[in-house]
Amino acid sequence: MKLRRRIEEVCVMCGTSQEIILHFIEEEWLHPIDREHSVFDDEDVARIKLIVELKNEFGVNDEAIPIILHLIDQLNAFRSYRREIES
């Protein structure tokens, strides 16, 4: 069972504001498990932390974020597929 978190808790965990997280959703970089009620799971929290780190620590601009996220998603899908066929 995935842990569900409200946006207020996620803001504290990720060190960012609701406005920033809502921006991530608007840009479609993030797809919360319950968009209507702003409920997030652990994968969402990890993605928010990654985006915040890319922007704040590495200076990545908004145009590059979706490219990086897509590449990471592809890498994770490949790893999952590889584990599946090796089992």
N, C-alpha and C. Protein backbone atom coordinates (compact mmCIF):
# COMPACT_ATOMS: atom_id res chain seq x y z
N MET A 1 0.84 -1.19 0.00
CA MET A 1 0.00 0.00 0.00
C MET A 1 0.88 1.25 0.00
N LYS A 2 0.55 2.17 -0.89
CA LYS A 2 1.32 3.41 -1.00
C LYS A 2 0.85 4.42 0.05
N LEU A 3 1.81 5.10 0.64
CA LEU A 3 1.50 6.14 1.60
C LEU A 3 1.00 7.37 0.86
N ARG A 4 -0.08 7.94 1.33
CA ARG A 4 -0.69 9.12 0.70
C ARG A 4 -0.42 10.34 1.57
N ARG A 5 0.03 11.40 0.94
CA ARG A 5 0.36 12.63 1.68
C ARG A 5 -0.36 13.83 1.07
N ARG A 6 -0.79 14.74 1.93
CA ARG A 6 -1.42 15.99 1.50
C ARG A 6 -0.32 16.97 1.10
N ILE A 7 -0.69 17.96 0.32
CA ILE A 7 0.28 18.90 -0.23
C ILE A 7 1.03 19.67 0.86
N GLU A 8 0.37 19.96 1.97
CA GLU A 8 1.04 20.70 3.06
C GLU A 8 2.23 19.91 3.60
N GLU A 9 2.04 18.61 3.79
CA GLU A 9 3.11 17.75 4.28
C GLU A 9 4.22 17.62 3.25
N VAL A 10 3.84 17.51 1.99
CA VAL A 10 4.83 17.38 0.91
C VAL A 10 5.68 18.65 0.82
N CYS A 11 5.08 19.80 1.00
CA CYS A 11 5.83 21.06 0.96
C CYS A 11 6.94 21.06 2.01
N VAL A 12 6.61 20.63 3.20
CA VAL A 12 7.60 20.57 4.28
C VAL A 12 8.69 19.57 3.94
N MET A 13 8.29 18.38 3.47
CA MET A 13 9.25 17.34 3.15
C MET A 13 10.22 17.76 2.04
N CYS A 14 9.71 18.53 1.08
CA CYS A 14 10.51 18.89 -0.09
C CYS A 14 11.12 20.28 0.00
N GLY A 15 10.78 21.02 1.04
CA GLY A 15 11.33 22.36 1.21
C GLY A 15 10.90 23.32 0.12
N THR A 16 9.64 23.23 -0.27
CA THR A 16 9.14 24.12 -1.31
C THR A 16 7.71 24.55 -0.99
N SER A 17 7.15 25.39 -1.83
CA SER A 17 5.82 25.93 -1.58
C SER A 17 4.75 25.21 -2.39
N GLN A 18 3.51 25.42 -1.99
CA GLN A 18 2.39 24.85 -2.73
C GLN A 18 2.36 25.40 -4.16
N GLU A 19 2.68 26.68 -4.30
CA GLU A 19 2.67 27.30 -5.62
C GLU A 19 3.65 26.61 -6.56
N ILE A 20 4.81 26.27 -6.05
CA ILE A 20 5.83 25.60 -6.87
C ILE A 20 5.33 24.21 -7.27
N ILE A 21 4.78 23.47 -6.33
CA ILE A 21 4.27 22.13 -6.63
C ILE A 21 3.11 22.21 -7.63
N LEU A 22 2.24 23.18 -7.46
CA LEU A 22 1.13 23.36 -8.41
C LEU A 22 1.66 23.72 -9.80
N HIS A 23 2.76 24.48 -9.85
CA HIS A 23 3.42 24.79 -11.12
C HIS A 23 3.92 23.51 -11.79
N PHE A 24 4.52 22.62 -11.00
CA PHE A 24 5.00 21.34 -11.53
C PHE A 24 3.85 20.53 -12.13
N ILE A 25 2.70 20.58 -11.47
CA ILE A 25 1.52 19.86 -11.97
C ILE A 25 1.02 20.51 -13.26
N GLU A 26 0.94 21.84 -13.27
CA GLU A 26 0.51 22.56 -14.47
C GLU A 26 1.40 22.24 -15.67
N GLU A 27 2.68 22.14 -15.43
CA GLU A 27 3.64 21.85 -16.49
C GLU A 27 3.61 20.37 -16.90
N GLU A 28 2.84 19.58 -16.15
CA GLU A 28 2.71 18.13 -16.36
C GLU A 28 4.02 17.38 -16.12
N TRP A 29 4.82 17.90 -15.22
CA TRP A 29 6.04 17.21 -14.79
C TRP A 29 5.69 16.24 -13.66
N LEU A 30 4.53 16.41 -13.10
CA LEU A 30 4.10 15.66 -11.93
C LEU A 30 2.63 15.31 -12.10
N HIS A 31 2.29 14.06 -11.79
CA HIS A 31 0.91 13.59 -11.89
C HIS A 31 0.54 12.94 -10.56
N PRO A 32 0.03 13.76 -9.61
CA PRO A 32 -0.30 13.22 -8.29
C PRO A 32 -1.37 12.13 -8.38
N ILE A 33 -1.37 11.25 -7.38
CA ILE A 33 -2.32 10.14 -7.39
C ILE A 33 -3.76 10.65 -7.27
N ASP A 34 -3.95 11.83 -6.67
CA ASP A 34 -5.27 12.44 -6.59
C ASP A 34 -5.09 13.94 -6.82
N ARG A 35 -5.19 14.32 -8.07
CA ARG A 35 -4.93 15.73 -8.44
C ARG A 35 -5.97 16.67 -7.83
N GLU A 36 -7.21 16.25 -7.83
CA GLU A 36 -8.30 17.09 -7.34
C GLU A 36 -8.09 17.50 -5.88
N HIS A 37 -7.58 16.56 -5.06
CA HIS A 37 -7.40 16.83 -3.64
C HIS A 37 -5.94 17.03 -3.25
N SER A 38 -5.06 17.15 -4.25
CA SER A 38 -3.62 17.36 -4.02
C SER A 38 -3.05 16.32 -3.05
N VAL A 39 -3.20 15.04 -3.44
CA VAL A 39 -2.68 13.93 -2.64
C VAL A 39 -1.55 13.27 -3.43
N PHE A 40 -0.45 13.01 -2.73
CA PHE A 40 0.77 12.53 -3.38
C PHE A 40 1.24 11.23 -2.72
N ASP A 41 1.92 10.39 -3.51
CA ASP A 41 2.53 9.19 -2.95
C ASP A 41 4.04 9.38 -2.90
N ASP A 42 4.76 8.35 -2.46
CA ASP A 42 6.21 8.46 -2.30
C ASP A 42 6.93 8.74 -3.62
N GLU A 43 6.43 8.18 -4.72
CA GLU A 43 7.02 8.45 -6.03
C GLU A 43 6.87 9.91 -6.41
N ASP A 44 5.70 10.49 -6.11
CA ASP A 44 5.48 11.91 -6.38
C ASP A 44 6.45 12.76 -5.57
N VAL A 45 6.61 12.41 -4.30
CA VAL A 45 7.52 13.17 -3.42
C VAL A 45 8.95 13.10 -3.95
N ALA A 46 9.37 11.92 -4.37
CA ALA A 46 10.72 11.77 -4.92
C ALA A 46 10.89 12.61 -6.19
N ARG A 47 9.86 12.64 -7.03
CA ARG A 47 9.93 13.43 -8.27
C ARG A 47 9.99 14.92 -7.95
N ILE A 48 9.21 15.37 -6.98
CA ILE A 48 9.26 16.78 -6.57
C ILE A 48 10.65 17.13 -6.08
N LYS A 49 11.22 16.29 -5.21
CA LYS A 49 12.57 16.54 -4.70
C LYS A 49 13.58 16.60 -5.83
N LEU A 50 13.44 15.71 -6.82
CA LEU A 50 14.34 15.72 -7.96
C LEU A 50 14.22 17.02 -8.74
N ILE A 51 13.01 17.44 -9.04
CA ILE A 51 12.81 18.68 -9.80
C ILE A 51 13.37 19.87 -9.04
N VAL A 52 13.09 19.95 -7.75
CA VAL A 52 13.60 21.04 -6.92
C VAL A 52 15.13 21.05 -6.95
N GLU A 53 15.74 19.87 -6.82
CA GLU A 53 17.20 19.78 -6.86
C GLU A 53 17.75 20.19 -8.22
N LEU A 54 17.13 19.71 -9.29
CA LEU A 54 17.59 20.09 -10.63
C LEU A 54 17.56 21.60 -10.81
N LYS A 55 16.49 22.23 -10.37
CA LYS A 55 16.34 23.67 -10.54
C LYS A 55 17.26 24.46 -9.60
N ASN A 56 17.27 24.10 -8.33
CA ASN A 56 17.99 24.90 -7.33
C ASN A 56 19.48 24.60 -7.26
N GLU A 57 19.85 23.33 -7.35
CA GLU A 57 21.25 22.95 -7.19
C GLU A 57 22.03 22.97 -8.51
N PHE A 58 21.33 22.64 -9.60
CA PHE A 58 22.01 22.52 -10.89
C PHE A 58 21.64 23.63 -11.87
N GLY A 59 20.69 24.47 -11.51
CA GLY A 59 20.32 25.59 -12.37
C GLY A 59 19.63 25.20 -13.66
N VAL A 60 18.97 24.04 -13.66
CA VAL A 60 18.27 23.58 -14.87
C VAL A 60 17.05 24.47 -15.10
N ASN A 61 16.86 24.89 -16.36
CA ASN A 61 15.71 25.75 -16.67
C ASN A 61 14.47 24.93 -16.98
N ASP A 62 13.32 25.60 -17.03
CA ASP A 62 12.04 24.93 -17.23
C ASP A 62 11.97 24.16 -18.55
N GLU A 63 12.67 24.63 -19.56
CA GLU A 63 12.63 23.95 -20.86
C GLU A 63 13.33 22.59 -20.81
N ALA A 64 14.34 22.44 -19.97
CA ALA A 64 15.10 21.20 -19.89
C ALA A 64 14.47 20.17 -18.95
N ILE A 65 13.67 20.61 -18.00
CA ILE A 65 13.10 19.69 -17.01
C ILE A 65 12.34 18.53 -17.66
N PRO A 66 11.41 18.78 -18.59
CA PRO A 66 10.67 17.63 -19.15
C PRO A 66 11.57 16.65 -19.90
N ILE A 67 12.62 17.14 -20.51
CA ILE A 67 13.55 16.26 -21.22
C ILE A 67 14.26 15.35 -20.22
N ILE A 68 14.75 15.93 -19.14
CA ILE A 68 15.45 15.15 -18.11
C ILE A 68 14.50 14.14 -17.48
N LEU A 69 13.29 14.58 -17.15
CA LEU A 69 12.31 13.67 -16.53
C LEU A 69 11.96 12.51 -17.47
N HIS A 70 11.82 12.81 -18.75
CA HIS A 70 11.51 11.76 -19.73
C HIS A 70 12.64 10.74 -19.79
N LEU A 71 13.87 11.21 -19.82
CA LEU A 71 15.02 10.29 -19.85
C LEU A 71 15.09 9.43 -18.60
N ILE A 72 14.83 10.04 -17.45
CA ILE A 72 14.82 9.28 -16.19
C ILE A 72 13.69 8.25 -16.20
N ASP A 73 12.52 8.63 -16.69
CA ASP A 73 11.40 7.69 -16.79
C ASP A 73 11.74 6.52 -17.70
N GLN A 74 12.40 6.80 -18.81
CA GLN A 74 12.81 5.73 -19.73
C GLN A 74 13.82 4.80 -19.06
N LEU A 75 14.77 5.38 -18.34
CA LEU A 75 15.77 4.57 -17.65
C LEU A 75 15.10 3.68 -16.60
N ASN A 76 14.18 4.22 -15.84
CA ASN A 76 13.48 3.43 -14.83
C ASN A 76 12.64 2.33 -15.46
N ALA A 77 11.99 2.62 -16.59
CA ALA A 77 11.21 1.59 -17.29
C ALA A 77 12.12 0.48 -17.79
N PHE A 78 13.28 0.85 -18.31
CA PHE A 78 14.23 -0.15 -18.79
C PHE A 78 14.72 -1.02 -17.64
N ARG A 79 15.04 -0.41 -16.51
CA ARG A 79 15.49 -1.18 -15.35
C ARG A 79 14.41 -2.15 -14.88
N SER A 80 13.18 -1.70 -14.86
CA SER A 80 12.07 -2.54 -14.45
C SER A 80 11.90 -3.70 -15.43
N TYR A 81 11.96 -3.42 -16.71
CA TYR A 81 11.85 -4.46 -17.73
C TYR A 81 12.99 -5.46 -17.60
N ARG A 82 14.19 -4.97 -17.37
CA ARG A 82 15.35 -5.85 -17.24
C ARG A 82 15.21 -6.78 -16.04
N ARG A 83 14.76 -6.26 -14.90
CA ARG A 83 14.53 -7.08 -13.72
C ARG A 83 13.48 -8.15 -14.01
N GLU A 84 12.47 -7.76 -14.75
CA GLU A 84 11.37 -8.67 -15.08
C GLU A 84 11.85 -9.83 -15.95
N ILE A 85 12.67 -9.57 -16.93
CA ILE A 85 13.12 -10.64 -17.81
C ILE A 85 14.23 -11.49 -17.19
N GLU A 86 14.92 -10.91 -16.20
CA GLU A 86 15.97 -11.67 -15.51
C GLU A 86 15.40 -12.60 -14.43
N SER A 87 14.16 -12.38 -14.06
CA SER A 87 13.55 -13.19 -13.00
C SER A 87 13.11 -14.53 -13.51
